[in-house]
Amino acid sequence: MSLPHDDYAAAVTNALTARWVGVEPDAWDDDTHMTATWRWDADLPQVDADRFPDGVILLWTSRQGWQWGALGDHGVIQGEPQHLPLHGYASPDAVAHAATWLLAGQPDRIPAGTERWEHAGTLHAALIDGEYEVPVDEHGA
């Protein structure tokens, strides 16, 4: 079954792959919001294994927008996910740029971004139509 954010997750994956940091996303819904995640293990050359000894995760939710977290035992996020300074429907290139800083262990160097994905309006409308929660913070829709 196709989900409203599948095309967005695919576009982000393509942009990540173009920067040599690509991994396949996991995407799902829980009846209130959409989620997509990308995980990188610490043994990949792009990942700062000193900062992220168990790996790192990039998350997008229709409720919170873009976040990240350090992974711990069994792939569980340590603590609460941290927000990224990106638009809730950030352009895939902006997400890939942020991911390169994140994987390098320097999330504080990620520049604030307001660049939206070219199909953000369509995604937002589909989420609203499906009665899913949408980004509401300053980086949201």
C-alpha atoms as a PDB file:
ATOM      1  CA  MET A   1       0.000   0.000   0.000  1.00  0.00           C
ATOM      2  CA  SER A   2       1.317   3.417  -0.947  1.00  0.00           C
ATOM      3  CA  LEU A   3       1.641   6.042   1.781  1.00  0.00           C
ATOM      4  CA  PRO A   4       1.406   9.818   1.247  1.00  0.00           C
ATOM      5  CA  HIS A   5       5.069  10.354   2.110  1.00  0.00           C
ATOM      6  CA  ASP A   6       6.563   7.535   0.013  1.00  0.00           C
ATOM      7  CA  ASP A   7       7.600   9.893  -2.805  1.00  0.00           C
ATOM      8  CA  TYR A   8       9.207  12.278  -0.304  1.00  0.00           C
ATOM      9  CA  ALA A   9      11.146   9.441   1.341  1.00  0.00           C
ATOM     10  CA  ALA A  10      12.279   8.224  -2.100  1.00  0.00           C
ATOM     11  CA  ALA A  11      13.414  11.730  -3.128  1.00  0.00           C
ATOM     12  CA  VAL A  12      15.399  12.104   0.111  1.00  0.00           C
ATOM     13  CA  THR A  13      16.943   8.654  -0.390  1.00  0.00           C
ATOM     14  CA  ASN A  14      18.012   9.621  -3.915  1.00  0.00           C
ATOM     15  CA  ALA A  15      19.627  12.825  -2.620  1.00  0.00           C
ATOM     16  CA  LEU A  16      21.410  10.907   0.156  1.00  0.00           C
ATOM     17  CA  THR A  17      22.671   8.365  -2.384  1.00  0.00           C
ATOM     18  CA  ALA A  18      23.978  11.163  -4.609  1.00  0.00           C
ATOM     19  CA  ARG A  19      26.115  12.308  -1.643  1.00  0.00           C
ATOM     20  CA  TRP A  20      27.382   8.778  -0.917  1.00  0.00           C
ATOM     21  CA  VAL A  21      25.420   8.521   2.311  1.00  0.00           C
ATOM     22  CA  GLY A  22      22.408   6.651   0.957  1.00  0.00           C
ATOM     23  CA  VAL A  23      20.522   3.979   2.808  1.00  0.00           C
ATOM     24  CA  GLU A  24      17.034   2.631   2.258  1.00  0.00           C
ATOM     25  CA  PRO A  25      14.357   4.233   4.427  1.00  0.00           C
ATOM     26  CA  ASP A  26      11.771   2.601   6.602  1.00  0.00           C
ATOM     27  CA  ALA A  27       8.383   4.317   6.207  1.00  0.00           C
ATOM     28  CA  TRP A  28       5.132   3.750   8.025  1.00  0.00           C
ATOM     29  CA  ASP A  29       2.120   5.386   9.602  1.00  0.00           C
ATOM     30  CA  ASP A  30       0.488   4.932  12.987  1.00  0.00           C
ATOM     31  CA  ASP A  31      -2.929   6.355  12.101  1.00  0.00           C
ATOM     32  CA  THR A  32      -2.003   9.820  13.436  1.00  0.00           C
ATOM     33  CA  HIS A  33       1.269  10.653  11.696  1.00  0.00           C
ATOM     34  CA  MET A  34       3.661   9.464   9.021  1.00  0.00           C
ATOM     35  CA  THR A  35       7.247   8.452   9.766  1.00  0.00           C
ATOM     36  CA  ALA A  36      10.332   7.722   7.676  1.00  0.00           C
ATOM     37  CA  THR A  37      13.743   6.795   9.093  1.00  0.00           C
ATOM     38  CA  TRP A  38      17.232   6.290   7.724  1.00  0.00           C
ATOM     39  CA  ARG A  39      19.832   4.435   9.859  1.00  0.00           C
ATOM     40  CA  TRP A  40      23.595   4.282   9.507  1.00  0.00           C
ATOM     41  CA  ASP A  41      25.808   1.814  11.366  1.00  0.00           C
ATOM     42  CA  ALA A  42      29.013   3.039  12.983  1.00  0.00           C
ATOM     43  CA  ASP A  43      31.139   0.813  10.745  1.00  0.00           C
ATOM     44  CA  LEU A  44      30.306   2.870   7.646  1.00  0.00           C
ATOM     45  CA  PRO A  45      33.108   5.241   6.610  1.00  0.00           C
ATOM     46  CA  GLN A  46      30.785   8.276   6.558  1.00  0.00           C
ATOM     47  CA  VAL A  47      29.855   7.842  10.249  1.00  0.00           C
ATOM     48  CA  ASP A  48      31.925   9.346  13.064  1.00  0.00           C
ATOM     49  CA  ALA A  49      32.192   6.159  15.143  1.00  0.00           C
ATOM     50  CA  ASP A  50      33.655   8.073  18.099  1.00  0.00           C
ATOM     51  CA  ARG A  51      30.520  10.239  18.305  1.00  0.00           C
ATOM     52  CA  PHE A  52      28.102   7.489  17.244  1.00  0.00           C
ATOM     53  CA  PRO A  53      29.610   4.135  18.335  1.00  0.00           C
ATOM     54  CA  ASP A  54      26.305   2.321  17.735  1.00  0.00           C
ATOM     55  CA  GLY A  55      25.195   4.337  14.713  1.00  0.00           C
ATOM     56  CA  VAL A  56      22.891   7.258  14.041  1.00  0.00           C
ATOM     57  CA  ILE A  57      19.332   7.710  12.790  1.00  0.00           C
ATOM     58  CA  LEU A  58      17.691  10.428  10.735  1.00  0.00           C
ATOM     59  CA  LEU A  59      13.927  10.729  11.202  1.00  0.00           C
ATOM     60  CA  TRP A  60      11.106  12.568   9.509  1.00  0.00           C
ATOM     61  CA  THR A  61       7.630  12.589  10.974  1.00  0.00           C
ATOM     62  CA  SER A  62       4.623  14.460   9.730  1.00  0.00           C
ATOM     63  CA  ARG A  63       4.187  15.714  13.301  1.00  0.00           C
ATOM     64  CA  GLN A  64       7.738  16.863  14.147  1.00  0.00           C
ATOM     65  CA  GLY A  65       9.543  17.360  10.834  1.00  0.00           C
ATOM     66  CA  TRP A  66      13.263  16.479  10.750  1.00  0.00           C
ATOM     67  CA  GLN A  67      15.104  15.005  13.751  1.00  0.00           C
ATOM     68  CA  TRP A  68      18.105  12.824  14.515  1.00  0.00           C
ATOM     69  CA  GLY A  69      19.345  10.586  17.314  1.00  0.00           C
ATOM     70  CA  ALA A  70      22.371   8.597  18.368  1.00  0.00           C
ATOM     71  CA  LEU A  71      21.628   4.882  18.436  1.00  0.00           C
ATOM     72  CA  GLY A  72      22.357   2.690  21.422  1.00  0.00           C
ATOM     73  CA  ASP A  73      22.013  -0.993  22.135  1.00  0.00           C
ATOM     74  CA  HIS A  74      19.743  -2.898  19.763  1.00  0.00           C
ATOM     75  CA  GLY A  75      19.314   0.163  17.518  1.00  0.00           C
ATOM     76  CA  VAL A  76      17.243   2.118  20.047  1.00  0.00           C
ATOM     77  CA  ILE A  77      17.577   5.916  20.070  1.00  0.00           C
ATOM     78  CA  GLN A  78      19.451   7.200  23.118  1.00  0.00           C
ATOM     79  CA  GLY A  79      17.349   9.891  24.788  1.00  0.00           C
ATOM     80  CA  GLU A  80      14.959  12.115  22.874  1.00  0.00           C
ATOM     81  CA  PRO A  81      15.486  12.809  19.172  1.00  0.00           C
ATOM     82  CA  GLN A  82      17.006  16.223  18.448  1.00  0.00           C
ATOM     83  CA  HIS A  83      15.403  18.609  15.975  1.00  0.00           C
ATOM     84  CA  LEU A  84      17.257  19.590  12.839  1.00  0.00           C
ATOM     85  CA  PRO A  85      17.032  23.234  11.727  1.00  0.00           C
ATOM     86  CA  LEU A  86      15.241  22.291   8.507  1.00  0.00           C
ATOM     87  CA  HIS A  87      11.810  23.042   7.106  1.00  0.00           C
ATOM     88  CA  GLY A  88       9.286  20.328   7.929  1.00  0.00           C
ATOM     89  CA  TYR A  89       9.166  19.529   4.206  1.00  0.00           C
ATOM     90  CA  ALA A  90      12.810  20.382   3.496  1.00  0.00           C
ATOM     91  CA  SER A  91      14.194  19.855   0.032  1.00  0.00           C
ATOM     92  CA  PRO A  92      15.897  16.473  -0.339  1.00  0.00           C
ATOM     93  CA  ASP A  93      19.191  18.239  -1.139  1.00  0.00           C
ATOM     94  CA  ALA A  94      18.960  20.226   2.115  1.00  0.00           C
ATOM     95  CA  VAL A  95      18.340  16.996   4.032  1.00  0.00           C
ATOM     96  CA  ALA A  96      21.301  15.280   2.337  1.00  0.00           C
ATOM     97  CA  HIS A  97      23.536  18.264   3.127  1.00  0.00           C
ATOM     98  CA  ALA A  98      22.433  18.110   6.773  1.00  0.00           C
ATOM     99  CA  ALA A  99      23.034  14.353   6.830  1.00  0.00           C
ATOM    100  CA  THR A 100      26.667  14.763   5.766  1.00  0.00           C
ATOM    101  CA  TRP A 101      27.286  17.041   8.775  1.00  0.00           C
ATOM    102  CA  LEU A 102      25.316  14.735  11.045  1.00  0.00           C
ATOM    103  CA  LEU A 103      27.212  11.598  10.023  1.00  0.00           C
ATOM    104  CA  ALA A 104      30.498  13.471  10.433  1.00  0.00           C
ATOM    105  CA  GLY A 105      29.545  13.949  14.079  1.00  0.00           C
ATOM    106  CA  GLN A 106      28.935  17.676  13.700  1.00  0.00           C
ATOM    107  CA  PRO A 107      25.172  18.262  13.900  1.00  0.00           C
ATOM    108  CA  ASP A 108      25.822  21.721  15.364  1.00  0.00           C
ATOM    109  CA  ARG A 109      27.250  22.760  11.971  1.00  0.00           C
ATOM    110  CA  ILE A 110      24.018  22.060  10.105  1.00  0.00           C
ATOM    111  CA  PRO A 111      22.830  25.396   8.734  1.00  0.00           C
ATOM    112  CA  ALA A 112      19.235  26.468   9.279  1.00  0.00           C
ATOM    113  CA  GLY A 113      17.269  25.901   6.122  1.00  0.00           C
ATOM    114  CA  THR A 114      13.948  27.053   4.775  1.00  0.00           C
ATOM    115  CA  GLU A 115      14.202  25.446   1.342  1.00  0.00           C
ATOM    116  CA  ARG A 116      11.090  23.345   0.720  1.00  0.00           C
ATOM    117  CA  TRP A 117      10.678  20.238  -1.386  1.00  0.00           C
ATOM    118  CA  GLU A 118       9.112  21.100  -4.723  1.00  0.00           C
ATOM    119  CA  HIS A 119       6.113  18.842  -3.962  1.00  0.00           C
ATOM    120  CA  ALA A 120       5.675  19.987  -0.341  1.00  0.00           C
ATOM    121  CA  GLY A 121       2.237  21.440  -1.023  1.00  0.00           C
ATOM    122  CA  THR A 122       0.986  18.182  -2.489  1.00  0.00           C
ATOM    123  CA  LEU A 123       2.375  16.171   0.439  1.00  0.00           C
ATOM    124  CA  HIS A 124       0.903  18.597   2.972  1.00  0.00           C
ATOM    125  CA  ALA A 125      -2.532  18.404   1.306  1.00  0.00           C
ATOM    126  CA  ALA A 126      -2.397  14.592   1.230  1.00  0.00           C
ATOM    127  CA  LEU A 127      -1.523  14.472   4.930  1.00  0.00           C
ATOM    128  CA  ILE A 128      -4.352  16.855   5.805  1.00  0.00           C
ATOM    129  CA  ASP A 129      -6.758  14.887   3.601  1.00  0.00           C
ATOM    130  CA  GLY A 130      -5.742  11.676   5.377  1.00  0.00           C
ATOM    131  CA  GLU A 131      -6.226  13.374   8.756  1.00  0.00           C
ATOM    132  CA  TYR A 132      -2.569  12.962   9.706  1.00  0.00           C
ATOM    133  CA  GLU A 133      -0.778  15.420  11.944  1.00  0.00           C
ATOM    134  CA  VAL A 134       1.487  17.880  10.130  1.00  0.00           C
ATOM    135  CA  PRO A 135       4.596  19.852  11.210  1.00  0.00           C
ATOM    136  CA  VAL A 136       3.593  22.716  13.475  1.00  0.00           C
ATOM    137  CA  ASP A 137       6.885  24.204  14.694  1.00  0.00           C
ATOM    138  CA  GLU A 138       8.783  27.106  13.158  1.00  0.00           C
ATOM    139  CA  HIS A 139      10.313  24.740  10.601  1.00  0.00           C
ATOM    140  CA  GLY A 140       6.964  23.218   9.593  1.00  0.00           C
ATOM    141  CA  ALA A 141       4.540  23.928   6.820  1.00  0.00           C
END
